[in-house]
Amino acid sequence: MKRKVLVLLVVLALLLAWFFGCKRQAPYIPIGTDDGNSLGNSIGNITNGGIVAYRDGWIYFINELDDLNIYKQKSGSDEAFKVNSDRSMFINVQGDWLYYSNISNEGSGKIYKVKTDGTDKAKLNNDKSSYINVVGEWIYYSNGSENRKIYKMKTDGSKKIELNKDFSSYVCVVDEWIYYANGTDKKRIYKMKTDGSERTKLSEDSAAYLNIKDDWIYYSNESDNDRLYKIKRSGLDKTIILDQPVENINVYDDWIFYTSSFASDKIIRVNLEGGEGTIINYEFSSFINIAYDNIYYINSYKKLFKTKLDGGKIFPMIK
């Protein structure tokens, strides 16, 4: 697509500057909710910037009205509470801690953590970090300070380990495997063990917006005009799902949510096998995140809105 360029870093910097109206020079912009105790956020949310996460009755989100600082809101309430004072993306919540990429000029994409009540903020690394996956006691991320290689470290910032040599995006950690788009090899889909072993190419397609559901990887196939495809996690049974360009893919339960230029970038919902989709909203949308049975997205006015999974009324996160 015209909006996509080979260098993903530049695309994201331009996107965030455009969405949020940054007047100063854009900082490094990183990109690629499960309610289980071991995961900090869902794969689909992290693929879409991790701007929303859910844990124990609370929604955590970036507030575009307050320079992308993290706020929290009790489910069913309109009252919001400020958690940090950093420009943030890739929110993960685990236990009493929030983990995020600090994209302020001072933070430069480094990973920070802070208690969910806003106390005990701490810097965990000095790397430009994106696609942050907090899984158990480990944090996995794409390291922009080291040509986007995948690293992992403990949730206290110790034991940092390099896992591959590839320019990695759309990092997805599932079970004992890491799946990613390998920019060193034309953004083809690869997987490896969480210790860096058994690195394997799964597809010859250039892929974006990776999502994983059960045994399948869902993705926008840039080798076929951004059409929606799926392929087994083993690399077998590649299948086209939709004959239209898709972006902002987020797979949740038995549905695929996405935007398409064919529908003026409205949010569309389709079942996992494809077929006729249902339009969820009627405005330009990006950064699709899902939490607590709501869809969250950024509209053309650079505002964070939410609506139900089957559509209906839309509501701003901050009124």
Protein backbone atom coordinates (compact mmCIF):
# COMPACT_ATOMS: atom_id res chain seq x y z
CA MET A 1 0.00 0.00 0.00
CA LYS A 2 1.03 3.58 -0.56
CA ARG A 3 1.22 4.25 3.15
CA LYS A 4 3.69 1.42 3.64
CA VAL A 5 7.36 1.82 2.90
CA LEU A 6 10.22 -0.60 3.26
CA VAL A 7 11.57 0.99 6.40
CA LEU A 8 8.97 0.30 9.09
CA LEU A 9 10.57 2.67 11.57
CA VAL A 10 9.97 5.66 9.30
CA VAL A 11 6.37 4.63 8.66
CA LEU A 12 5.56 4.46 12.33
CA ALA A 13 7.20 7.75 13.14
CA LEU A 14 5.17 9.44 10.43
CA LEU A 15 1.96 7.70 11.47
CA LEU A 16 2.18 8.72 15.10
CA ALA A 17 3.14 12.26 14.18
CA TRP A 18 0.13 12.41 11.86
CA PHE A 19 -2.33 10.83 14.31
CA PHE A 20 -1.37 12.87 17.34
CA GLY A 21 -0.24 16.12 15.74
CA CYS A 22 3.30 16.24 17.11
CA LYS A 23 4.81 19.63 16.37
CA ARG A 24 8.29 18.77 17.60
CA GLN A 25 10.50 16.27 15.86
CA ALA A 26 9.02 12.78 16.28
CA PRO A 27 10.94 10.47 18.61
CA TYR A 28 11.67 6.84 17.85
CA ILE A 29 8.26 5.19 17.46
CA PRO A 30 8.02 1.47 18.23
CA ILE A 31 5.24 -0.66 16.90
CA GLY A 32 4.46 -4.79 16.36
CA THR A 33 -5.95 -8.73 26.19
CA ASP A 34 -5.36 -11.81 27.25
CA ASP A 35 -6.76 -12.06 30.78
CA GLY A 36 -4.49 -14.96 31.77
CA ASN A 37 -2.03 -14.34 34.57
CA SER A 38 1.03 -14.99 32.39
CA LEU A 39 0.44 -12.49 29.56
CA GLY A 40 0.73 -8.71 29.73
CA ASN A 41 -1.46 -8.02 26.68
CA SER A 42 -2.89 -9.80 23.66
CA ILE A 43 -0.97 -10.43 20.44
CA GLY A 44 -3.54 -8.44 18.45
CA ASN A 45 -3.17 -5.41 20.69
CA ILE A 46 0.63 -5.45 20.60
CA THR A 47 0.52 -5.74 16.80
CA ASN A 48 -1.54 -2.55 16.86
CA GLY A 49 0.70 -0.51 19.14
CA GLY A 50 -0.52 -1.77 22.52
CA ILE A 51 -2.50 1.38 23.29
CA VAL A 52 -5.00 -0.47 25.52
CA ALA A 53 -4.71 -3.33 28.01
CA TYR A 54 -7.08 -4.94 30.52
CA ARG A 55 -6.46 -6.48 33.93
CA ASP A 56 -8.67 -7.26 36.93
CA GLY A 57 -11.54 -4.93 36.07
CA TRP A 58 -9.39 -2.00 34.90
CA ILE A 59 -8.79 -0.65 31.42
CA TYR A 60 -5.33 0.89 30.89
CA PHE A 61 -4.99 3.19 27.87
CA ILE A 62 -2.98 6.02 26.39
CA ASN A 63 -4.67 9.40 26.74
CA GLU A 64 -4.26 11.37 23.53
CA LEU A 65 -5.51 14.47 25.35
CA ASP A 66 -2.57 14.26 27.77
CA ASP A 67 0.45 13.60 25.53
CA LEU A 68 -0.07 9.80 25.37
CA ASN A 69 0.31 9.33 29.14
CA ILE A 70 -1.21 6.14 30.55
CA TYR A 71 -4.56 6.40 32.33
CA LYS A 72 -6.74 3.74 33.90
CA GLN A 73 -10.49 3.44 34.07
CA LYS A 74 -12.67 1.00 35.98
CA SER A 75 -14.84 -1.11 33.68
CA GLY A 76 -18.28 0.48 33.46
CA SER A 77 -17.09 3.85 34.76
CA ASP A 78 -16.32 7.11 32.98
CA GLU A 79 -13.85 8.32 35.62
CA ALA A 80 -10.20 8.02 34.61
CA PHE A 81 -7.05 8.20 36.72
CA LYS A 82 -3.56 9.17 35.55
CA VAL A 83 -0.87 6.51 36.03
CA ASN A 84 2.29 8.00 34.48
CA SER A 85 3.67 11.13 32.81
CA ASP A 86 5.46 9.47 29.88
CA ARG A 87 4.47 9.22 26.23
CA SER A 88 3.74 5.51 26.11
CA MET A 89 3.02 2.63 23.76
CA PHE A 90 3.03 -1.19 23.98
CA ILE A 91 1.31 -1.32 27.35
CA ASN A 92 1.55 -4.62 29.21
CA VAL A 93 -0.04 -5.28 32.60
CA GLN A 94 1.01 -8.12 34.84
CA GLY A 95 0.10 -8.34 38.50
CA ASP A 96 0.58 -4.91 40.10
CA TRP A 97 2.92 -3.67 37.36
CA LEU A 98 2.58 -1.82 34.07
CA TYR A 99 5.33 -2.25 31.47
CA TYR A 100 5.61 0.09 28.47
CA SER A 101 7.84 1.69 25.88
CA ASN A 102 8.60 5.27 26.90
CA ILE A 103 8.55 7.14 23.58
CA SER A 104 9.15 10.60 25.03
CA ASN A 105 12.28 12.41 23.88
CA GLU A 106 13.90 11.49 27.17
CA GLY A 107 12.67 7.90 27.14
CA SER A 108 13.66 7.19 23.50
CA GLY A 109 11.72 3.92 23.43
CA LYS A 110 13.28 2.43 26.56
CA ILE A 111 11.21 -0.03 28.59
CA TYR A 112 9.89 1.25 31.91
CA LYS A 113 7.70 -0.25 34.57
CA VAL A 114 5.44 1.45 37.10
CA LYS A 115 2.99 0.18 39.67
CA THR A 116 -0.65 0.30 38.55
CA ASP A 117 -1.21 2.99 41.21
CA GLY A 118 1.49 5.16 39.57
CA THR A 119 4.25 4.58 42.14
CA ASP A 120 7.74 3.01 41.92
CA LYS A 121 8.53 3.93 38.32
CA ALA A 122 11.77 2.34 37.10
CA LYS A 123 13.73 2.13 33.84
CA LEU A 124 14.50 -1.45 32.81
CA ASN A 125 16.79 -1.04 29.78
CA ASN A 126 18.53 1.49 27.55
CA ASP A 127 17.31 0.00 24.25
CA LYS A 128 14.84 1.42 21.73
CA SER A 129 12.22 -1.22 22.39
CA SER A 130 9.15 -2.22 20.37
CA TYR A 131 6.69 -5.12 20.15
CA ILE A 132 6.96 -5.66 23.89
CA ASN A 133 5.57 -9.03 25.03
CA VAL A 134 5.55 -9.63 28.78
CA VAL A 135 5.19 -13.38 29.28
CA GLY A 136 5.64 -14.86 32.72
CA GLU A 137 8.89 -13.56 34.22
CA TRP A 138 10.33 -12.50 30.84
CA ILE A 139 10.01 -9.45 28.60
CA TYR A 140 10.54 -10.05 24.85
CA TYR A 141 11.08 -7.12 22.50
CA SER A 142 12.51 -5.92 19.20
CA ASN A 143 15.67 -3.95 19.95
CA GLY A 144 15.93 -0.87 17.73
CA SER A 145 19.34 -0.09 19.21
CA GLU A 146 20.64 -3.39 17.76
CA ASN A 147 19.10 -3.40 14.27
CA ARG A 148 15.77 -4.72 15.58
CA LYS A 149 17.10 -8.05 16.84
CA ILE A 150 14.84 -9.82 19.32
CA TYR A 151 15.99 -9.73 22.93
CA LYS A 152 14.56 -10.94 26.19
CA MET A 153 15.19 -9.90 29.77
CA LYS A 154 13.71 -10.57 33.17
CA THR A 155 10.84 -8.32 34.34
CA ASP A 156 13.29 -6.64 36.74
CA GLY A 157 15.59 -5.73 33.81
CA SER A 158 18.24 -8.37 34.54
CA LYS A 159 19.64 -11.18 32.35
CA LYS A 160 19.30 -9.48 28.96
CA ILE A 161 19.81 -12.04 26.19
CA GLU A 162 20.06 -11.64 22.40
CA LEU A 163 17.87 -14.23 20.65
CA ASN A 164 18.41 -13.66 16.91
CA LYS A 165 20.24 -11.59 14.29
CA ASP A 166 17.19 -10.67 12.19
CA PHE A 167 15.50 -7.29 11.69
CA SER A 168 12.32 -8.33 13.51
CA SER A 169 8.84 -6.83 13.60
CA TYR A 170 5.36 -7.97 14.67
CA VAL A 171 6.87 -10.08 17.42
CA CYS A 172 4.38 -12.62 18.84
CA VAL A 173 5.26 -14.85 21.79
CA VAL A 174 2.95 -17.87 22.05
CA ASP A 175 3.60 -20.93 24.20
CA GLU A 176 7.34 -21.64 23.84
CA TRP A 177 7.66 -20.01 20.41
CA ILE A 178 8.35 -16.55 19.01
CA TYR A 179 6.82 -15.64 15.64
CA TYR A 180 7.91 -12.55 13.71
CA ALA A 181 8.25 -10.85 10.34
CA ASN A 182 11.90 -11.02 9.30
CA GLY A 183 12.88 -7.76 7.60
CA THR A 184 16.31 -9.22 6.81
CA ASP A 185 14.47 -11.68 4.53
CA LYS A 186 11.80 -9.50 2.89
CA LYS A 187 9.50 -9.57 5.97
CA ARG A 188 8.84 -13.29 5.62
CA ILE A 189 7.33 -15.10 8.60
CA TYR A 190 9.78 -16.91 10.88
CA LYS A 191 9.55 -18.68 14.20
CA MET A 192 12.05 -19.71 16.84
CA LYS A 193 12.01 -21.08 20.36
CA THR A 194 11.98 -18.59 23.24
CA ASP A 195 15.63 -19.48 23.86
CA GLY A 196 16.52 -18.52 20.25
CA SER A 197 16.90 -22.08 18.96
CA GLU A 198 15.13 -23.83 16.05
CA ARG A 199 14.86 -20.71 13.88
CA THR A 200 12.62 -21.65 10.92
CA LYS A 201 11.15 -19.86 7.90
CA LEU A 202 7.40 -20.50 7.61
CA SER A 203 6.40 -18.65 4.45
CA GLU A 204 7.72 -16.90 1.35
CA ASP A 205 5.18 -14.08 1.77
CA SER A 206 6.06 -10.60 3.00
CA ALA A 207 3.81 -10.25 6.03
CA ALA A 208 2.41 -7.53 8.28
CA TYR A 209 -0.01 -7.32 11.23
CA LEU A 210 0.72 -10.86 12.47
CA ASN A 211 -1.94 -12.38 14.75
CA ILE A 212 -2.04 -15.89 16.18
CA LYS A 213 -5.16 -17.83 17.08
CA ASP A 214 -4.93 -21.51 18.02
CA ASP A 215 -2.87 -23.25 15.28
CA TRP A 216 -3.09 -20.39 12.76
CA ILE A 217 -1.14 -17.24 11.93
CA TYR A 218 -3.27 -14.49 10.35
CA TYR A 219 -1.55 -11.72 8.40
CA SER A 220 -1.74 -9.06 5.72
CA ASN A 221 0.11 -10.49 2.72
CA GLU A 222 2.18 -7.68 1.21
CA SER A 223 3.26 -10.09 -1.55
CA ASP A 224 -0.38 -10.22 -2.69
CA ASN A 225 -1.62 -6.62 -2.41
CA ASP A 226 -2.14 -6.82 1.36
CA ARG A 227 -4.88 -9.45 1.17
CA LEU A 228 -5.82 -11.33 4.32
CA TYR A 229 -4.22 -14.78 4.62
CA LYS A 230 -3.71 -17.45 7.24
CA ILE A 231 -1.10 -20.18 7.53
CA LYS A 232 -0.57 -22.95 10.06
CA ARG A 233 2.02 -22.31 12.76
CA SER A 234 3.88 -25.24 11.18
CA GLY A 235 4.11 -23.34 7.87
CA LEU A 236 1.55 -25.56 6.11
CA ASP A 237 -1.88 -24.93 4.55
CA LYS A 238 -1.54 -21.32 3.45
CA THR A 239 -5.05 -20.00 2.68
CA ILE A 240 -6.44 -16.71 1.43
CA ILE A 241 -9.33 -15.47 3.58
CA LEU A 242 -10.31 -12.15 1.99
CA ASP A 243 -9.75 -10.83 -1.51
CA GLN A 244 -9.20 -7.24 -0.37
CA PRO A 245 -6.37 -5.24 1.22
CA VAL A 246 -6.40 -5.27 5.02
CA GLU A 247 -4.58 -3.43 7.80
CA ASN A 248 -4.82 -3.10 11.60
CA ILE A 249 -5.71 -6.79 12.02
CA ASN A 250 -6.82 -7.91 15.47
CA VAL A 251 -8.10 -11.48 15.97
CA TYR A 252 -10.38 -11.90 18.99
CA ASP A 253 -12.44 -14.96 19.89
CA ASP A 254 -13.98 -16.21 16.63
CA TRP A 255 -13.67 -12.93 14.75
CA ILE A 256 -11.13 -11.01 12.70
CA PHE A 257 -11.32 -7.23 13.02
CA TYR A 258 -9.53 -5.11 10.43
CA THR A 259 -9.65 -1.97 8.30
CA SER A 260 -9.61 -1.84 4.53
CA SER A 261 -9.11 0.90 1.98
CA PHE A 262 -12.04 -0.75 0.14
CA ALA A 263 -14.26 0.50 2.97
CA SER A 264 -12.60 3.88 3.58
CA ASP A 265 -10.68 2.41 6.55
CA LYS A 266 -13.75 1.69 8.63
CA ILE A 267 -13.53 -1.25 11.06
CA ILE A 268 -14.92 -4.49 9.64
CA ARG A 269 -15.60 -7.79 11.39
CA VAL A 270 -15.50 -11.17 9.64
CA ASN A 271 -15.44 -14.72 10.97
CA LEU A 272 -12.24 -16.73 10.98
CA GLU A 273 -13.09 -18.47 7.71
CA GLY A 274 -13.85 -15.26 5.79
CA GLY A 275 -17.10 -14.56 3.99
CA GLU A 276 -19.12 -11.38 4.14
CA GLY A 277 -17.92 -8.86 6.67
CA THR A 278 -19.91 -6.52 8.91
CA ILE A 279 -19.01 -2.84 9.21
CA ILE A 280 -18.57 -1.92 12.89
CA ASN A 281 -18.21 1.85 12.65
CA TYR A 282 -18.43 4.57 10.04
CA GLU A 283 -15.27 6.61 10.37
CA PHE A 284 -11.57 6.30 9.58
CA SER A 285 -9.97 3.99 12.15
CA SER A 286 -6.50 2.78 13.05
CA PHE A 287 -4.65 1.08 15.93
CA ILE A 288 -7.47 -1.41 16.60
CA ASN A 289 -7.20 -2.70 20.18
CA ILE A 290 -9.68 -4.97 21.97
CA ALA A 291 -10.27 -5.34 25.70
CA TYR A 292 -13.18 -6.34 27.91
CA ASP A 293 -15.51 -6.91 24.93
CA ASN A 294 -14.93 -3.44 23.50
CA ILE A 295 -13.05 -2.23 20.43
CA TYR A 296 -10.77 0.77 20.86
CA TYR A 297 -9.39 2.78 17.95
CA ILE A 298 -7.95 6.12 16.89
CA ASN A 299 -10.15 8.10 14.51
CA SER A 300 -9.25 10.73 11.93
CA TYR A 301 -9.52 13.46 14.59
CA LYS A 302 -6.73 11.74 16.55
CA LYS A 303 -9.10 10.71 19.36
CA LEU A 304 -9.37 7.37 21.16
CA PHE A 305 -12.88 5.93 20.88
CA LYS A 306 -14.53 2.68 21.86
CA THR A 307 -17.53 0.66 20.69
CA LYS A 308 -18.94 -2.82 21.24
CA LEU A 309 -17.61 -5.82 19.33
CA ASP A 310 -20.75 -5.86 17.19
CA GLY A 311 -20.81 -2.10 16.69
CA GLY A 312 -23.42 0.39 17.86
CA LYS A 313 -22.79 3.65 19.65
CA ILE A 314 -19.25 4.99 19.89
CA PHE A 315 -17.87 6.70 22.96
CA PRO A 316 -14.70 8.73 23.63
CA MET A 317 -12.46 7.30 26.33
CA ILE A 318 -12.11 10.73 27.89
CA LYS A 319 -15.28 12.83 27.86
